[in-house]
């Protein structure tokens, strides 16, 4: 952040020095330096709009430099505050439902799949491990809430929730 402020001060100082070049008949160099190409060329051709534009720009230069810095940050993939944009969000801790929570999540997943659920679908829906999902599904099987079969097309073990 401190480096960024120094760079902005440097750009501001250079812009004022280039603006002073208008006294030598080179008006508009500060505008070209800050990415305002069209008006920079106009200032060069008209002597800074007969020095009036050059004088007005003395008050506009701080905003000009800040605007150009913003454009540079966006091109570099940074937010206005210097934080990288479009950076992948990585969660260091995954929510793992346990016990009854996992059972409820599996029931909700099965309901959304028409009453049928594979272990893989259960893992995807809950974020729990294969072993945890399989354990809960087997408990449901033993209690009689679920029956087990193989999918005729894929051969995957499928749990059928007949009450859903």
C-alpha atoms as a PDB file:
ATOM      1  CA  UNK A   1       0.000   0.000   0.000  1.00  0.00           C
ATOM      2  CA  UNK A   2       2.862   2.376   0.841  1.00  0.00           C
ATOM      3  CA  UNK A   3       4.535   1.624  -2.505  1.00  0.00           C
ATOM      4  CA  UNK A   4       1.248   2.390  -4.230  1.00  0.00           C
ATOM      5  CA  UNK A   5       1.028   5.835  -2.554  1.00  0.00           C
ATOM      6  CA  UNK A   6       4.619   6.599  -3.578  1.00  0.00           C
ATOM      7  CA  UNK A   7       3.873   5.640  -7.187  1.00  0.00           C
ATOM      8  CA  UNK A   8       0.783   7.852  -7.160  1.00  0.00           C
ATOM      9  CA  UNK A   9       2.839  10.783  -5.761  1.00  0.00           C
ATOM     10  CA  UNK A  10       5.473  10.187  -8.449  1.00  0.00           C
ATOM     11  CA  UNK A  11       2.807  10.221 -11.167  1.00  0.00           C
ATOM     12  CA  UNK A  12       1.365  13.422  -9.702  1.00  0.00           C
ATOM     13  CA  UNK A  13       4.770  15.121  -9.604  1.00  0.00           C
ATOM     14  CA  UNK A  14       5.633  14.084 -13.164  1.00  0.00           C
ATOM     15  CA  UNK A  15       2.210  15.275 -14.339  1.00  0.00           C
ATOM     16  CA  UNK A  16       2.799  18.725 -12.838  1.00  0.00           C
ATOM     17  CA  UNK A  17       6.280  18.891 -14.399  1.00  0.00           C
ATOM     18  CA  UNK A  18       4.838  17.979 -17.797  1.00  0.00           C
ATOM     19  CA  UNK A  19       2.098  20.572 -17.305  1.00  0.00           C
ATOM     20  CA  UNK A  20       4.825  23.148 -16.723  1.00  0.00           C
ATOM     21  CA  UNK A  21       6.091  22.188 -20.165  1.00  0.00           C
ATOM     22  CA  UNK A  22       3.096  24.128 -21.443  1.00  0.00           C
ATOM     23  CA  UNK A  23       5.035  27.308 -20.680  1.00  0.00           C
ATOM     24  CA  UNK A  24       7.535  26.157 -23.311  1.00  0.00           C
ATOM     25  CA  UNK A  25       4.787  25.596 -25.864  1.00  0.00           C
ATOM     26  CA  UNK A  26       4.345  21.861 -25.217  1.00  0.00           C
ATOM     27  CA  UNK A  27       0.902  21.958 -23.634  1.00  0.00           C
ATOM     28  CA  UNK A  28      -0.941  18.685 -23.118  1.00  0.00           C
ATOM     29  CA  UNK A  29       2.006  16.403 -22.310  1.00  0.00           C
ATOM     30  CA  UNK A  30       0.534  15.794 -18.850  1.00  0.00           C
ATOM     31  CA  UNK A  31      -2.733  14.696 -20.483  1.00  0.00           C
ATOM     32  CA  UNK A  32      -0.936  12.269 -22.792  1.00  0.00           C
ATOM     33  CA  UNK A  33       0.990  10.904 -19.789  1.00  0.00           C
ATOM     34  CA  UNK A  34      -2.287  10.198 -17.960  1.00  0.00           C
ATOM     35  CA  UNK A  35      -3.959   8.432 -20.870  1.00  0.00           C
ATOM     36  CA  UNK A  36      -6.079  11.309 -22.183  1.00  0.00           C
ATOM     37  CA  UNK A  37      -4.807  10.990 -25.747  1.00  0.00           C
ATOM     38  CA  UNK A  38      -7.494  12.968 -27.601  1.00  0.00           C
ATOM     39  CA  UNK A  39      -7.408  16.041 -25.384  1.00  0.00           C
ATOM     40  CA  UNK A  40      -3.631  15.735 -25.059  1.00  0.00           C
ATOM     41  CA  UNK A  41      -3.230  16.103 -28.827  1.00  0.00           C
ATOM     42  CA  UNK A  42      -5.756  18.963 -28.817  1.00  0.00           C
ATOM     43  CA  UNK A  43      -3.760  20.748 -26.100  1.00  0.00           C
ATOM     44  CA  UNK A  44      -0.523  20.201 -28.086  1.00  0.00           C
ATOM     45  CA  UNK A  45      -2.024  21.700 -31.236  1.00  0.00           C
ATOM     46  CA  UNK A  46      -3.675  24.699 -29.531  1.00  0.00           C
ATOM     47  CA  UNK A  47      -1.062  25.602 -26.947  1.00  0.00           C
ATOM     48  CA  UNK A  48      -3.107  24.190 -24.091  1.00  0.00           C
ATOM     49  CA  UNK A  49      -6.267  25.819 -25.430  1.00  0.00           C
ATOM     50  CA  UNK A  50      -4.466  29.161 -25.421  1.00  0.00           C
ATOM     51  CA  UNK A  51      -3.041  28.425 -21.952  1.00  0.00           C
ATOM     52  CA  UNK A  52      -6.540  28.507 -20.404  1.00  0.00           C
ATOM     53  CA  UNK A  53      -6.835  24.707 -20.473  1.00  0.00           C
ATOM     54  CA  UNK A  54      -3.324  24.409 -19.107  1.00  0.00           C
ATOM     55  CA  UNK A  55      -4.217  26.601 -16.103  1.00  0.00           C
ATOM     56  CA  UNK A  56      -7.497  24.772 -15.443  1.00  0.00           C
ATOM     57  CA  UNK A  57      -5.628  21.467 -15.580  1.00  0.00           C
ATOM     58  CA  UNK A  58      -3.492  22.541 -12.623  1.00  0.00           C
ATOM     59  CA  UNK A  59      -6.589  21.857 -10.520  1.00  0.00           C
ATOM     60  CA  UNK A  60      -7.652  18.756 -12.469  1.00  0.00           C
ATOM     61  CA  UNK A  61      -4.316  16.888 -12.469  1.00  0.00           C
ATOM     62  CA  UNK A  62      -4.832  15.100  -9.092  1.00  0.00           C
ATOM     63  CA  UNK A  63      -8.110  13.587 -10.348  1.00  0.00           C
ATOM     64  CA  UNK A  64      -6.556  12.780 -13.710  1.00  0.00           C
ATOM     65  CA  UNK A  65      -3.688  10.867 -12.130  1.00  0.00           C
ATOM     66  CA  UNK A  66      -6.008   8.984  -9.761  1.00  0.00           C
ATOM     67  CA  UNK A  67      -8.314   8.019 -12.641  1.00  0.00           C
ATOM     68  CA  UNK A  68      -5.361   6.735 -14.671  1.00  0.00           C
ATOM     69  CA  UNK A  69      -4.052   4.754 -11.669  1.00  0.00           C
ATOM     70  CA  UNK A  70      -7.525   3.174 -11.302  1.00  0.00           C
ATOM     71  CA  UNK A  71      -7.457   2.129 -14.969  1.00  0.00           C
ATOM     72  CA  UNK A  72      -3.992   0.628 -14.531  1.00  0.00           C
ATOM     73  CA  UNK A  73      -5.135  -1.307 -11.434  1.00  0.00           C
ATOM     74  CA  UNK A  74      -8.153  -2.696 -13.297  1.00  0.00           C
ATOM     75  CA  UNK A  75      -5.955  -3.763 -16.227  1.00  0.00           C
ATOM     76  CA  UNK A  76      -3.668  -5.509 -13.759  1.00  0.00           C
ATOM     77  CA  UNK A  77      -6.668  -7.333 -12.254  1.00  0.00           C
ATOM     78  CA  UNK A  78      -6.747  -5.342  -9.017  1.00  0.00           C
ATOM     79  CA  UNK A  79      -9.661  -3.635  -7.294  1.00  0.00           C
ATOM     80  CA  UNK A  80      -9.475   0.123  -6.563  1.00  0.00           C
ATOM     81  CA  UNK A  81      -8.027  -0.756  -3.161  1.00  0.00           C
ATOM     82  CA  UNK A  82      -5.354  -3.010  -4.702  1.00  0.00           C
ATOM     83  CA  UNK A  83      -6.929  -6.399  -3.898  1.00  0.00           C
ATOM     84  CA  UNK A  84      -6.728  -9.011  -6.700  1.00  0.00           C
ATOM     85  CA  UNK A  85     -10.020  -9.454  -8.586  1.00  0.00           C
ATOM     86  CA  UNK A  86     -11.373 -12.774  -9.846  1.00  0.00           C
ATOM     87  CA  UNK A  87      -9.249 -14.686  -7.400  1.00  0.00           C
ATOM     88  CA  UNK A  88     -10.544 -18.156  -6.673  1.00  0.00           C
ATOM     89  CA  UNK A  89     -12.183 -18.390  -3.295  1.00  0.00           C
ATOM     90  CA  UNK A  90     -10.768 -21.299  -1.355  1.00  0.00           C
ATOM     91  CA  UNK A  91     -12.509 -22.528   1.732  1.00  0.00           C
ATOM     92  CA  UNK A  92     -10.072 -24.034   4.175  1.00  0.00           C
ATOM     93  CA  UNK A  93     -12.757 -25.791   6.161  1.00  0.00           C
ATOM     94  CA  UNK A  94     -15.634 -27.748   4.681  1.00  0.00           C
ATOM     95  CA  UNK A  95     -18.924 -28.038   6.534  1.00  0.00           C
ATOM     96  CA  UNK A  96     -19.407 -31.670   7.411  1.00  0.00           C
ATOM     97  CA  UNK A  97     -22.917 -32.607   8.539  1.00  0.00           C
ATOM     98  CA  UNK A  98     -22.909 -35.342  11.172  1.00  0.00           C
ATOM     99  CA  UNK A  99     -25.407 -37.787  12.619  1.00  0.00           C
ATOM    100  CA  UNK A 100     -28.999 -36.680  12.139  1.00  0.00           C
ATOM    101  CA  UNK A 101     -27.948 -33.681  10.049  1.00  0.00           C
ATOM    102  CA  UNK A 102     -26.329 -35.983   7.520  1.00  0.00           C
ATOM    103  CA  UNK A 103     -29.389 -38.214   7.482  1.00  0.00           C
ATOM    104  CA  UNK A 104     -31.662 -35.235   6.816  1.00  0.00           C
ATOM    105  CA  UNK A 105     -29.382 -33.984   4.039  1.00  0.00           C
ATOM    106  CA  UNK A 106     -29.428 -37.432   2.432  1.00  0.00           C
ATOM    107  CA  UNK A 107     -33.219 -37.552   2.644  1.00  0.00           C
ATOM    108  CA  UNK A 108     -33.455 -34.136   0.996  1.00  0.00           C
ATOM    109  CA  UNK A 109     -31.069 -35.256  -1.754  1.00  0.00           C
ATOM    110  CA  UNK A 110     -33.049 -38.454  -2.320  1.00  0.00           C
ATOM    111  CA  UNK A 111     -36.289 -36.491  -2.467  1.00  0.00           C
ATOM    112  CA  UNK A 112     -34.842 -34.201  -5.136  1.00  0.00           C
ATOM    113  CA  UNK A 113     -33.785 -37.308  -7.130  1.00  0.00           C
ATOM    114  CA  UNK A 114     -37.243 -38.909  -7.098  1.00  0.00           C
ATOM    115  CA  UNK A 115     -36.629 -41.125  -4.050  1.00  0.00           C
ATOM    116  CA  UNK A 116     -33.459 -42.769  -5.362  1.00  0.00           C
ATOM    117  CA  UNK A 117     -29.898 -41.996  -4.302  1.00  0.00           C
ATOM    118  CA  UNK A 118     -26.431 -43.392  -4.897  1.00  0.00           C
ATOM    119  CA  UNK A 119     -23.552 -42.962  -2.492  1.00  0.00           C
ATOM    120  CA  UNK A 120     -21.812 -40.633  -4.937  1.00  0.00           C
ATOM    121  CA  UNK A 121     -24.916 -38.455  -5.216  1.00  0.00           C
ATOM    122  CA  UNK A 122     -25.095 -38.396  -1.415  1.00  0.00           C
ATOM    123  CA  UNK A 123     -21.471 -37.287  -1.142  1.00  0.00           C
ATOM    124  CA  UNK A 124     -22.055 -34.551  -3.701  1.00  0.00           C
ATOM    125  CA  UNK A 125     -25.195 -33.312  -1.944  1.00  0.00           C
ATOM    126  CA  UNK A 126     -23.783 -33.311   1.598  1.00  0.00           C
ATOM    127  CA  UNK A 127     -20.036 -32.804   1.312  1.00  0.00           C
ATOM    128  CA  UNK A 128     -19.483 -35.756   3.646  1.00  0.00           C
ATOM    129  CA  UNK A 129     -17.049 -38.556   2.839  1.00  0.00           C
ATOM    130  CA  UNK A 130     -18.011 -41.712   0.982  1.00  0.00           C
ATOM    131  CA  UNK A 131     -17.560 -43.768   4.152  1.00  0.00           C
ATOM    132  CA  UNK A 132     -19.807 -41.474   6.199  1.00  0.00           C
ATOM    133  CA  UNK A 133     -22.567 -41.413   3.576  1.00  0.00           C
ATOM    134  CA  UNK A 134     -22.410 -45.185   3.082  1.00  0.00           C
ATOM    135  CA  UNK A 135     -22.532 -45.758   6.847  1.00  0.00           C
ATOM    136  CA  UNK A 136     -25.672 -43.622   7.273  1.00  0.00           C
ATOM    137  CA  UNK A 137     -27.361 -45.202   4.245  1.00  0.00           C
ATOM    138  CA  UNK A 138     -26.636 -48.694   5.628  1.00  0.00           C
ATOM    139  CA  UNK A 139     -28.114 -47.662   8.993  1.00  0.00           C
ATOM    140  CA  UNK A 140     -31.251 -46.540   7.149  1.00  0.00           C
ATOM    141  CA  UNK A 141     -31.261 -49.845   5.261  1.00  0.00           C
ATOM    142  CA  UNK A 142     -31.069 -51.830   8.525  1.00  0.00           C
ATOM    143  CA  UNK A 143     -33.912 -49.823  10.046  1.00  0.00           C
ATOM    144  CA  UNK A 144     -36.147 -50.590   7.045  1.00  0.00           C
ATOM    145  CA  UNK A 145     -36.523 -47.077   5.680  1.00  0.00           C
ATOM    146  CA  UNK A 146     -34.545 -47.836   2.542  1.00  0.00           C
ATOM    147  CA  UNK A 147     -34.192 -50.736   0.158  1.00  0.00           C
ATOM    148  CA  UNK A 148     -31.111 -51.338  -1.933  1.00  0.00           C
ATOM    149  CA  UNK A 149     -30.794 -52.311  -5.586  1.00  0.00           C
ATOM    150  CA  UNK A 150     -28.510 -51.855  -8.575  1.00  0.00           C
ATOM    151  CA  UNK A 151     -29.249 -49.366 -11.318  1.00  0.00           C
ATOM    152  CA  UNK A 152     -30.133 -51.451 -14.397  1.00  0.00           C
ATOM    153  CA  UNK A 153     -28.202 -49.139 -16.736  1.00  0.00           C
ATOM    154  CA  UNK A 154     -25.066 -48.182 -14.791  1.00  0.00           C
ATOM    155  CA  UNK A 155     -24.932 -50.987 -12.236  1.00  0.00           C
ATOM    156  CA  UNK A 156     -24.429 -48.455  -9.430  1.00  0.00           C
ATOM    157  CA  UNK A 157     -25.745 -49.393  -5.997  1.00  0.00           C
ATOM    158  CA  UNK A 158     -28.916 -47.367  -5.535  1.00  0.00           C
ATOM    159  CA  UNK A 159     -30.819 -46.738  -2.350  1.00  0.00           C
ATOM    160  CA  UNK A 160     -34.596 -46.455  -2.819  1.00  0.00           C
ATOM    161  CA  UNK A 161     -36.539 -44.399  -0.303  1.00  0.00           C
ATOM    162  CA  UNK A 162     -40.024 -45.848  -0.710  1.00  0.00           C
ATOM    163  CA  UNK A 163     -41.644 -43.253   1.579  1.00  0.00           C
ATOM    164  CA  UNK A 164     -40.537 -40.306  -0.586  1.00  0.00           C
END
